[in-house]
N, C-alpha and C. Protein backbone atom coordinates (compact mmCIF):
# COMPACT_ATOMS: atom_id res chain seq x y z
N MET A 1 0.91 -0.96 0.41
CA MET A 1 0.12 0.26 -0.14
C MET A 1 0.89 1.21 -0.21
N LYS A 2 1.05 1.97 -0.65
CA LYS A 2 1.67 3.19 -0.79
C LYS A 2 0.55 4.26 0.21
N LYS A 3 2.41 5.15 0.51
CA LYS A 3 1.54 6.36 1.72
C LYS A 3 1.55 7.48 0.98
N ALA A 4 0.20 8.04 1.61
CA ALA A 4 -0.07 9.17 1.02
C ALA A 4 0.76 10.51 1.21
N PHE A 5 0.92 11.50 0.59
CA PHE A 5 1.88 12.63 0.77
C PHE A 5 0.90 13.42 1.44
N LYS A 6 1.26 13.97 2.39
CA LYS A 6 0.99 15.15 3.55
C LYS A 6 1.86 16.49 2.58
N PRO A 7 1.39 17.87 2.76
CA PRO A 7 1.86 19.16 2.07
C PRO A 7 2.66 19.57 3.72
N THR A 8 3.49 20.35 3.78
CA THR A 8 4.39 21.02 4.77
C THR A 8 4.07 22.27 4.87
N LEU A 9 4.01 22.73 5.91
CA LEU A 9 3.44 24.48 5.69
C LEU A 9 4.60 24.80 6.76
N TYR A 10 5.40 26.02 6.09
CA TYR A 10 6.04 26.46 7.16
C TYR A 10 5.20 28.16 7.63
N LEU A 11 5.30 28.15 9.03
CA LEU A 11 4.45 29.30 9.25
C LEU A 11 5.31 30.16 10.26
N ASN A 12 4.79 31.93 10.42
CA ASN A 12 4.96 32.33 11.34
C ASN A 12 3.72 32.68 12.41
N GLY A 13 3.43 32.46 13.49
CA GLY A 13 2.83 32.34 14.42
C GLY A 13 2.74 32.18 15.86
N LYS A 14 1.92 31.69 16.51
CA LYS A 14 1.44 31.44 18.02
C LYS A 14 0.68 30.42 18.29
N LEU A 15 0.64 29.54 19.05
CA LEU A 15 -0.28 28.54 19.68
C LEU A 15 -1.04 29.27 20.37
N LEU A 16 -2.31 29.42 19.91
CA LEU A 16 -3.42 29.60 20.92
C LEU A 16 -3.42 28.38 21.87
N CYS A 17 -3.81 27.26 22.43
CA CYS A 17 -4.00 26.31 22.80
C CYS A 17 -3.25 25.14 22.82
N ARG A 18 -2.42 24.43 24.06
CA ARG A 18 -1.58 23.02 24.26
C ARG A 18 -1.92 22.20 22.83
N LEU A 19 -1.05 21.82 22.32
CA LEU A 19 -0.82 20.59 21.21
C LEU A 19 -1.13 19.51 22.01
N THR A 20 -2.51 18.63 21.76
CA THR A 20 -2.96 17.88 22.77
C THR A 20 -2.99 16.20 20.96
N LEU A 21 -2.28 15.27 21.00
CA LEU A 21 -2.92 13.99 20.21
C LEU A 21 -4.37 13.97 20.46
N GLY A 22 -4.69 14.05 19.22
CA GLY A 22 -6.04 13.31 18.93
C GLY A 22 -7.39 14.75 18.79
N ARG A 23 -6.40 15.58 19.37
CA ARG A 23 -7.32 16.83 19.00
C ARG A 23 -7.02 18.16 18.18
N ALA A 24 -7.70 19.11 17.17
CA ALA A 24 -6.91 20.15 16.80
C ALA A 24 -5.91 20.89 16.96
N ALA A 25 -5.10 21.67 16.63
CA ALA A 25 -4.33 22.59 17.04
C ALA A 25 -5.40 23.85 16.60
N ILE A 26 -4.49 25.05 17.17
CA ILE A 26 -5.27 26.51 17.14
C ILE A 26 -4.15 27.14 17.74
N PHE A 27 -3.81 28.18 16.03
CA PHE A 27 -2.81 28.90 16.31
C PHE A 27 -3.26 30.30 14.94
N SER A 28 -2.93 31.21 15.62
CA SER A 28 -2.88 32.20 14.49
C SER A 28 -2.00 32.24 13.71
N VAL A 29 -1.97 32.94 12.94
CA VAL A 29 -0.64 33.64 12.29
C VAL A 29 -1.26 35.32 11.45
N GLU A 30 -0.84 36.54 11.83
CA GLU A 30 -0.92 37.74 11.69
C GLU A 30 -2.30 37.61 12.76
N ASP A 31 -3.96 38.41 12.09
CA ASP A 31 -4.40 38.67 12.79
C ASP A 31 -6.09 37.40 12.26
N ARG A 32 -5.41 36.25 12.04
CA ARG A 32 -6.58 35.05 11.47
C ARG A 32 -6.04 33.84 12.74
N ILE A 33 -7.02 33.41 12.60
CA ILE A 33 -7.04 31.82 13.79
C ILE A 33 -6.72 30.78 12.80
N TYR A 34 -6.38 29.73 13.09
CA TYR A 34 -6.55 28.33 12.30
C TYR A 34 -6.60 27.56 13.08
N HIS A 35 -7.58 26.40 12.45
CA HIS A 35 -7.78 25.68 13.37
C HIS A 35 -7.66 24.12 12.35
N THR A 36 -7.08 23.39 12.80
CA THR A 36 -6.37 21.84 12.07
C THR A 36 -7.07 20.81 11.93
N SER A 37 -7.26 19.86 11.16
CA SER A 37 -7.38 18.76 11.76
C SER A 37 -7.01 17.77 12.88
N ALA A 38 -6.88 17.05 13.56
CA ALA A 38 -6.69 15.90 14.52
C ALA A 38 -5.09 15.62 14.34
N VAL A 39 -4.71 16.15 15.29
CA VAL A 39 -2.63 15.76 15.51
C VAL A 39 -2.77 14.23 15.52
N VAL A 40 -1.99 14.17 14.72
CA VAL A 40 -1.56 12.53 14.88
C VAL A 40 -0.20 12.51 15.43
N ARG A 41 0.93 13.17 16.05
CA ARG A 41 1.82 13.61 16.18
C ARG A 41 3.06 14.54 15.77
N ILE A 42 3.48 14.94 17.44
CA ILE A 42 3.89 15.99 17.88
C ILE A 42 6.09 15.37 17.58
N HIS A 43 6.08 16.23 16.69
CA HIS A 43 7.68 16.01 16.21
C HIS A 43 8.75 16.93 17.05
N ALA A 44 8.11 18.20 17.23
CA ALA A 44 9.25 19.30 18.16
C ALA A 44 8.73 19.86 18.84
N VAL A 45 8.66 20.33 20.17
CA VAL A 45 7.89 21.64 20.58
C VAL A 45 9.23 22.78 21.26
N ASN A 46 9.94 23.53 20.71
CA ASN A 46 11.48 24.12 21.78
C ASN A 46 10.86 25.69 21.61
N SER A 47 11.48 26.74 22.05
CA SER A 47 11.24 28.05 22.79
C SER A 47 11.39 28.90 21.01
N SER A 48 11.87 28.37 20.08
CA SER A 48 11.63 29.00 18.75
C SER A 48 10.85 27.98 17.56
N GLU A 49 10.39 26.79 17.58
CA GLU A 49 9.40 26.15 16.26
C GLU A 49 8.58 25.36 17.49
N VAL A 50 7.59 25.24 16.79
CA VAL A 50 6.51 23.95 17.02
C VAL A 50 6.92 23.00 15.81
N HIS A 51 6.62 22.40 15.95
CA HIS A 51 6.94 20.84 14.57
C HIS A 51 5.61 19.31 15.03
N PHE A 52 4.78 20.23 14.15
CA PHE A 52 3.82 18.84 14.26
C PHE A 52 3.05 18.22 13.33
N GLU A 53 2.33 17.32 13.47
CA GLU A 53 1.51 16.57 12.04
C GLU A 53 0.39 16.55 12.44
N THR A 54 -0.73 16.21 11.35
CA THR A 54 -2.17 16.65 11.80
C THR A 54 -2.78 14.97 10.16
N GLN A 55 -3.29 14.98 10.66
CA GLN A 55 -4.42 14.02 9.44
C GLN A 55 -3.96 14.28 8.21
N HIS A 56 -3.84 15.43 7.93
CA HIS A 56 -3.45 16.11 6.41
C HIS A 56 -2.39 16.78 6.36
N THR A 57 -1.40 17.29 7.13
CA THR A 57 -0.23 18.14 7.00
C THR A 57 0.46 18.07 7.72
N HIS A 58 1.43 18.19 7.39
CA HIS A 58 2.80 18.62 8.45
C HIS A 58 2.75 20.12 9.08
N TYR A 59 2.83 20.79 10.17
CA TYR A 59 2.90 22.11 10.11
C TYR A 59 4.84 22.16 10.99
N TYR A 60 4.88 23.71 10.40
CA TYR A 60 6.19 24.08 11.46
C TYR A 60 5.36 25.38 11.78
N LEU A 61 5.54 25.53 13.36
CA LEU A 61 4.92 26.86 13.31
C LEU A 61 6.64 27.60 13.32
N ASN A 62 6.88 28.60 13.63
CA ASN A 62 8.00 29.28 14.12
C ASN A 62 7.20 30.47 14.98
N ILE A 63 7.72 30.46 16.06
CA ILE A 63 7.23 30.98 17.20
C ILE A 63 7.66 32.14 17.91
N ARG A 64 8.66 32.28 16.87
CA ARG A 64 9.88 33.63 17.72
C ARG A 64 9.27 34.83 17.13
N PRO A 65 9.69 36.00 17.58
CA PRO A 65 8.17 37.17 17.19
C PRO A 65 9.27 37.31 15.68
N PHE A 66 8.37 38.18 14.86
CA PHE A 66 9.15 38.60 13.38
C PHE A 66 10.19 39.40 13.48
N ALA A 67 11.33 39.20 12.77
CA ALA A 67 12.25 40.21 12.74
C ALA A 67 12.00 41.52 12.88
N ALA A 68 11.06 41.80 11.86
CA ALA A 68 11.03 43.31 11.53
C ALA A 68 10.18 44.03 12.89
N ALA A 69 9.26 43.40 13.49
CA ALA A 69 9.09 43.99 15.00
C ALA A 69 10.73 43.86 15.95
N VAL A 70 11.33 43.20 16.22
CA VAL A 70 11.82 43.55 16.82
C VAL A 70 12.94 44.40 16.58
N ARG A 71 13.68 44.48 15.49
CA ARG A 71 14.29 45.57 14.83
C ARG A 71 13.37 46.99 14.86
N ARG A 72 12.06 46.95 14.88
CA ARG A 72 11.15 48.65 14.98
C ARG A 72 11.37 49.11 16.29
N PRO A 73 12.27 50.43 16.18
CA PRO A 73 11.45 50.62 17.76
C PRO A 73 10.03 51.40 18.40
N PRO A 74 10.47 50.93 19.66
CA PRO A 74 9.32 51.51 20.00
C PRO A 74 8.56 52.46 19.73
N ILE A 75 7.77 52.98 19.53
CA ILE A 75 6.50 54.54 19.07
C ILE A 75 6.35 55.33 20.50
N PRO A 76 6.82 56.40 20.29
CA PRO A 76 7.24 57.43 21.27
C PRO A 76 5.25 58.03 22.21
N VAL A 77 5.31 58.02 22.88
CA VAL A 77 4.21 58.26 23.19
C VAL A 77 4.66 59.28 24.65
N LEU A 78 3.82 60.34 23.55
CA LEU A 78 3.49 61.79 24.05
C LEU A 78 2.70 62.58 25.00
N ALA A 79 3.14 63.27 25.95
CA ALA A 79 2.37 63.36 27.17
C ALA A 79 2.06 64.63 27.05
N ALA A 80 0.55 64.95 27.04
CA ALA A 80 -0.05 66.43 27.07
C ALA A 80 0.61 67.25 28.87
N CYS A 81 1.01 68.65 28.22
CA CYS A 81 1.23 69.56 29.14
C CYS A 81 -0.13 70.01 29.80
N ALA A 82 0.26 70.35 31.20
CA ALA A 82 -0.90 71.50 31.72
C ALA A 82 -0.89 72.47 31.90
C-alpha cells in the first residue's frame, strides 16, 4: 500500500492552546485564527519552533517574534502639558 503524501506548511505565528494528540491544533498567523484536523504526532516543541503533524498536513510553526517587530523601535508616547 502506498503512503499518502502530506503537504508541509511553514508559518510564523503562535499557538493559542496546548497541542494534544487527537485534538485540533489552534494557532494564529497575523490576524487570522486557524483550526487544523486532529494532531496525530508532535515532532518537536522548543522556544523557537513547533513541529507537528495532523491527519492531512505537516506544520512548522515559527513562534519567535517577527524580525521586523524586533528591529522596529517602539513608538514614543508624548504626554500633554497642562
